[in-house]
């Protein structure tokens, strides 16, 4: 006859395996609301929760290292981190890519009062454009050609500053991930006492979705990450995280 173990014995048996999760020094780009530092110092956000769930399903734990796109690539190349996400543009030498774990919807955003019409990346010629770091390397050849003829073009690593560039009239167009841009525009307006009135901007969908991957220096970690990703997709927790942040997804 089989006997059930008392709950405290079950816990004692499980504790060694629970404590055995391997900690990985892993780079993240802070981009609210996808990855953001809260007042208590903890990280939160859609992308951070997805990555945390993937790591946990692979019996891994994130030791976070925050930096810009360029800084993360440099840190991986120098061995300061074992991996990072998202990998934007060409990965550094010696980095192995995972399966795609998140989709970004990069858009162009203009002030509604300007009446700017944009139907394709080539329409950005002659305008003042402020984009996310490495945008010129990931948004396609038409965008890369257009920004050569822009009246002004800059890539800003601190995306919270992009919103001010548009709202204060220094740039005509912002380029970035839709959720990130709208969050930062709303933050600037709220700080100025103008929140809650609807955002005074137009979103132009000029680009195909970008399916971003993580990267690791060790191919074994790539395989474990992919296994964790497959597990949370299969058990529904991946979609549950997406739904919690955006029920329309």
Protein backbone atom coordinates (compact mmCIF):
# COMPACT_ATOMS: atom_id res chain seq x y z
CA UNK A 1 0.00 0.00 0.00
CA UNK A 2 1.35 3.41 -0.97
CA UNK A 3 1.44 6.05 1.74
CA UNK A 4 1.46 9.80 1.14
CA UNK A 5 4.36 11.73 2.60
CA UNK A 6 3.52 14.45 5.11
CA UNK A 7 3.54 17.92 3.45
CA UNK A 8 6.62 19.08 5.37
CA UNK A 9 8.62 16.10 4.09
CA UNK A 10 7.54 16.80 0.53
CA UNK A 11 8.77 20.37 0.94
CA UNK A 12 12.11 19.22 2.35
CA UNK A 13 12.59 16.89 -0.59
CA UNK A 14 11.77 19.63 -3.10
CA UNK A 15 13.86 22.38 -1.50
CA UNK A 16 17.22 21.23 -2.93
CA UNK A 17 15.83 21.16 -6.47
CA UNK A 18 14.10 24.49 -5.98
CA UNK A 19 17.38 26.02 -4.82
CA UNK A 20 19.29 24.52 -7.71
CA UNK A 21 18.09 26.98 -10.37
CA UNK A 22 21.16 28.27 -12.17
CA UNK A 23 21.65 32.03 -12.02
CA UNK A 24 22.54 33.68 -15.33
CA UNK A 25 23.97 37.20 -15.64
CA UNK A 26 21.61 38.49 -18.30
CA UNK A 27 21.35 41.87 -20.00
CA UNK A 28 18.05 43.73 -20.35
CA UNK A 29 17.18 47.03 -21.97
CA UNK A 30 14.95 49.14 -19.75
CA UNK A 31 12.05 50.29 -21.92
CA UNK A 32 8.84 50.93 -19.95
CA UNK A 33 6.28 49.41 -19.98
CA UNK A 34 8.08 46.32 -21.34
CA UNK A 35 10.93 46.40 -18.83
CA UNK A 36 10.94 49.00 -16.07
CA UNK A 37 12.37 49.56 -12.61
CA UNK A 38 9.63 50.14 -10.04
CA UNK A 39 9.92 52.42 -6.97
CA UNK A 40 10.79 49.38 -4.83
CA UNK A 41 13.75 48.65 -7.11
CA UNK A 42 12.18 45.54 -8.61
CA UNK A 43 11.86 45.02 -12.35
CA UNK A 44 8.40 44.67 -13.88
CA UNK A 45 6.79 44.73 -17.32
CA UNK A 46 5.50 42.49 -20.09
CA UNK A 47 8.88 41.56 -21.53
CA UNK A 48 10.50 41.06 -18.14
CA UNK A 49 7.67 38.76 -17.04
CA UNK A 50 7.93 36.73 -20.24
CA UNK A 51 11.68 36.32 -19.81
CA UNK A 52 11.35 35.47 -16.13
CA UNK A 53 8.76 32.79 -16.92
CA UNK A 54 10.92 31.34 -19.72
CA UNK A 55 13.96 31.22 -17.43
CA UNK A 56 11.98 29.60 -14.60
CA UNK A 57 10.61 26.95 -16.96
CA UNK A 58 14.22 26.19 -17.94
CA UNK A 59 15.31 26.00 -14.26
CA UNK A 60 17.23 29.26 -14.67
CA UNK A 61 17.15 32.56 -12.81
CA UNK A 62 17.94 36.04 -14.16
CA UNK A 63 20.64 38.14 -12.54
CA UNK A 64 19.73 41.39 -14.37
CA UNK A 65 22.20 43.76 -15.99
CA UNK A 66 20.58 46.89 -17.45
CA UNK A 67 21.92 48.79 -20.43
CA UNK A 68 21.20 50.27 -23.84
CA UNK A 69 21.08 48.13 -26.98
CA UNK A 70 24.68 49.02 -27.82
CA UNK A 71 25.90 48.56 -24.24
CA UNK A 72 24.31 45.10 -23.99
CA UNK A 73 25.97 43.95 -27.21
CA UNK A 74 29.31 45.27 -25.93
CA UNK A 75 28.83 43.58 -22.55
CA UNK A 76 28.12 40.25 -24.24
CA UNK A 77 31.18 40.62 -26.45
CA UNK A 78 33.32 41.38 -23.40
CA UNK A 79 31.88 38.50 -21.39
CA UNK A 80 30.31 40.80 -18.77
CA UNK A 81 26.98 39.04 -19.35
CA UNK A 82 26.16 35.50 -20.44
CA UNK A 83 23.32 36.70 -22.66
CA UNK A 84 20.93 39.54 -23.32
CA UNK A 85 17.60 40.43 -24.89
CA UNK A 86 16.36 41.68 -27.20
CA UNK A 87 19.12 41.26 -29.78
CA UNK A 88 18.70 44.32 -32.02
CA UNK A 89 20.69 44.36 -35.24
CA UNK A 90 23.67 42.10 -35.87
CA UNK A 91 24.62 40.05 -32.80
CA UNK A 92 28.22 40.28 -31.59
CA UNK A 93 30.61 37.50 -32.56
CA UNK A 94 30.22 34.37 -30.47
CA UNK A 95 26.58 34.96 -29.62
CA UNK A 96 24.00 32.25 -30.35
CA UNK A 97 20.38 33.28 -30.94
CA UNK A 98 17.26 31.74 -29.42
CA UNK A 99 13.84 31.33 -30.95
CA UNK A 100 11.74 34.52 -31.04
CA UNK A 101 10.18 35.22 -27.65
CA UNK A 102 8.43 38.57 -28.27
CA UNK A 103 7.05 40.63 -31.16
CA UNK A 104 7.68 44.37 -31.34
CA UNK A 105 5.43 46.63 -33.39
CA UNK A 106 7.69 49.46 -34.47
CA UNK A 107 5.79 52.49 -35.73
CA UNK A 108 6.21 56.14 -36.69
CA UNK A 109 4.44 58.68 -34.48
CA UNK A 110 3.65 62.31 -35.34
CA UNK A 111 1.67 65.12 -33.72
CA UNK A 112 -1.93 65.14 -34.92
CA UNK A 113 -1.83 68.94 -35.30
CA UNK A 114 0.94 68.68 -37.88
CA UNK A 115 -1.16 66.68 -40.33
CA UNK A 116 1.87 64.71 -41.53
CA UNK A 117 0.99 61.84 -43.86
CA UNK A 118 3.22 58.80 -43.87
CA UNK A 119 2.43 55.69 -45.89
CA UNK A 120 5.86 54.13 -46.33
CA UNK A 121 9.35 54.55 -44.85
CA UNK A 122 10.45 56.61 -47.87
CA UNK A 123 8.03 59.37 -46.80
CA UNK A 124 10.39 60.20 -43.93
CA UNK A 125 12.76 62.00 -46.31
CA UNK A 126 13.15 65.66 -45.43
CA UNK A 127 11.74 65.25 -41.91
CA UNK A 128 13.41 65.43 -38.51
CA UNK A 129 13.41 61.87 -37.22
CA UNK A 130 14.21 60.55 -33.74
CA UNK A 131 14.48 56.75 -33.46
CA UNK A 132 15.49 54.04 -31.05
CA UNK A 133 19.10 52.89 -30.94
CA UNK A 134 20.07 50.69 -33.92
CA UNK A 135 16.81 51.44 -35.77
CA UNK A 136 18.78 52.05 -38.95
CA UNK A 137 20.04 48.46 -38.82
CA UNK A 138 16.74 46.65 -38.24
CA UNK A 139 13.93 48.54 -40.00
CA UNK A 140 14.81 47.63 -43.57
CA UNK A 141 16.61 49.14 -46.55
CA UNK A 142 13.91 51.69 -47.46
CA UNK A 143 14.11 53.18 -43.97
CA UNK A 144 17.93 53.14 -44.09
CA UNK A 145 17.84 55.03 -47.40
CA UNK A 146 15.21 57.52 -46.21
CA UNK A 147 17.12 58.59 -43.12
CA UNK A 148 20.12 59.49 -45.27
CA UNK A 149 17.94 62.28 -46.69
CA UNK A 150 16.25 63.25 -43.42
CA UNK A 151 16.49 66.88 -42.34
CA UNK A 152 17.80 65.55 -39.03
CA UNK A 153 18.19 61.99 -37.80
CA UNK A 154 19.26 60.75 -34.39
CA UNK A 155 19.03 57.49 -32.49
CA UNK A 156 18.25 57.99 -28.80
CA UNK A 157 19.23 55.21 -26.36
CA UNK A 158 17.05 56.63 -23.56
CA UNK A 159 13.60 56.17 -25.02
CA UNK A 160 11.91 58.24 -22.31
CA UNK A 161 13.55 61.27 -23.95
CA UNK A 162 11.97 60.53 -27.34
CA UNK A 163 8.52 61.73 -26.27
CA UNK A 164 9.87 65.15 -25.26
CA UNK A 165 11.58 65.48 -28.63
CA UNK A 166 8.22 65.17 -30.39
CA UNK A 167 5.97 67.03 -27.94
CA UNK A 168 8.37 69.98 -27.63
CA UNK A 169 8.70 70.32 -31.42
CA UNK A 170 12.34 69.34 -31.78
CA UNK A 171 11.49 66.41 -34.08
CA UNK A 172 8.73 65.72 -36.57
CA UNK A 173 8.61 61.93 -36.20
CA UNK A 174 9.38 59.37 -33.53
CA UNK A 175 10.29 55.81 -34.49
CA UNK A 176 9.91 53.07 -31.91
CA UNK A 177 7.89 50.29 -30.40
CA UNK A 178 4.25 51.35 -30.17
CA UNK A 179 3.71 50.43 -26.50
CA UNK A 180 6.94 52.12 -25.43
CA UNK A 181 6.27 55.35 -27.34
CA UNK A 182 2.68 55.68 -26.15
CA UNK A 183 3.68 55.00 -22.56
CA UNK A 184 6.37 57.69 -22.61
CA UNK A 185 4.19 60.25 -24.39
CA UNK A 186 1.50 59.70 -21.76
CA UNK A 187 4.07 60.06 -18.97
CA UNK A 188 5.28 63.42 -20.30
CA UNK A 189 1.74 64.72 -20.72
CA UNK A 190 0.73 63.54 -17.24
CA UNK A 191 3.75 65.25 -15.68
CA UNK A 192 2.70 68.47 -17.45
CA UNK A 193 -0.87 68.14 -16.14
CA UNK A 194 -2.23 67.32 -19.58
CA UNK A 195 -2.89 63.61 -19.15
CA UNK A 196 -6.29 61.95 -19.50
CA UNK A 197 -7.33 63.88 -22.61
CA UNK A 198 -6.33 61.32 -25.19
CA UNK A 199 -2.92 61.32 -26.79
CA UNK A 200 -2.48 64.12 -29.40
CA UNK A 201 -0.56 61.89 -31.78
CA UNK A 202 -1.04 59.78 -34.90
CA UNK A 203 0.51 56.33 -35.23
CA UNK A 204 1.73 55.30 -38.68
CA UNK A 205 2.33 51.56 -39.21
CA UNK A 206 5.16 51.68 -41.72
CA UNK A 207 7.07 48.58 -40.69
CA UNK A 208 6.52 44.85 -40.49
CA UNK A 209 6.51 43.39 -36.96
CA UNK A 210 9.95 42.54 -35.53
CA UNK A 211 10.19 39.12 -33.91
CA UNK A 212 13.00 39.55 -31.42
CA UNK A 213 15.27 36.89 -29.97
CA UNK A 214 17.54 36.55 -26.98
CA UNK A 215 21.21 35.68 -27.38
CA UNK A 216 23.66 33.67 -25.27
CA UNK A 217 27.37 33.00 -25.42
CA UNK A 218 26.73 29.34 -24.52
CA UNK A 219 24.63 27.29 -26.98
CA UNK A 220 23.53 25.07 -24.08
CA UNK A 221 21.73 28.08 -22.58
CA UNK A 222 20.09 28.71 -25.95
CA UNK A 223 18.68 25.18 -25.93
CA UNK A 224 17.44 25.55 -22.36
CA UNK A 225 15.86 28.92 -23.13
CA UNK A 226 14.07 27.46 -26.16
CA UNK A 227 12.80 24.55 -24.05
CA UNK A 228 11.49 26.96 -21.42
CA UNK A 229 9.80 29.05 -24.10
CA UNK A 230 8.15 25.94 -25.58
CA UNK A 231 6.91 24.90 -22.15
CA UNK A 232 5.22 28.19 -21.28
CA UNK A 233 3.66 28.41 -24.73
CA UNK A 234 2.27 24.88 -24.32
CA UNK A 235 0.89 25.35 -20.81
CA UNK A 236 -0.78 28.68 -21.62
CA UNK A 237 1.25 30.87 -19.27
CA UNK A 238 2.90 32.72 -22.19
CA UNK A 239 -0.48 33.84 -23.54
CA UNK A 240 -1.73 34.60 -20.03
CA UNK A 241 1.10 37.11 -19.54
CA UNK A 242 0.33 38.75 -22.90
CA UNK A 243 -3.37 38.94 -22.02
CA UNK A 244 -2.67 40.50 -18.63
CA UNK A 245 -0.87 43.42 -20.28
CA UNK A 246 -2.93 43.67 -23.47
CA UNK A 247 -6.19 41.68 -23.73
CA UNK A 248 -6.39 42.49 -27.49
CA UNK A 249 -3.32 40.35 -28.30
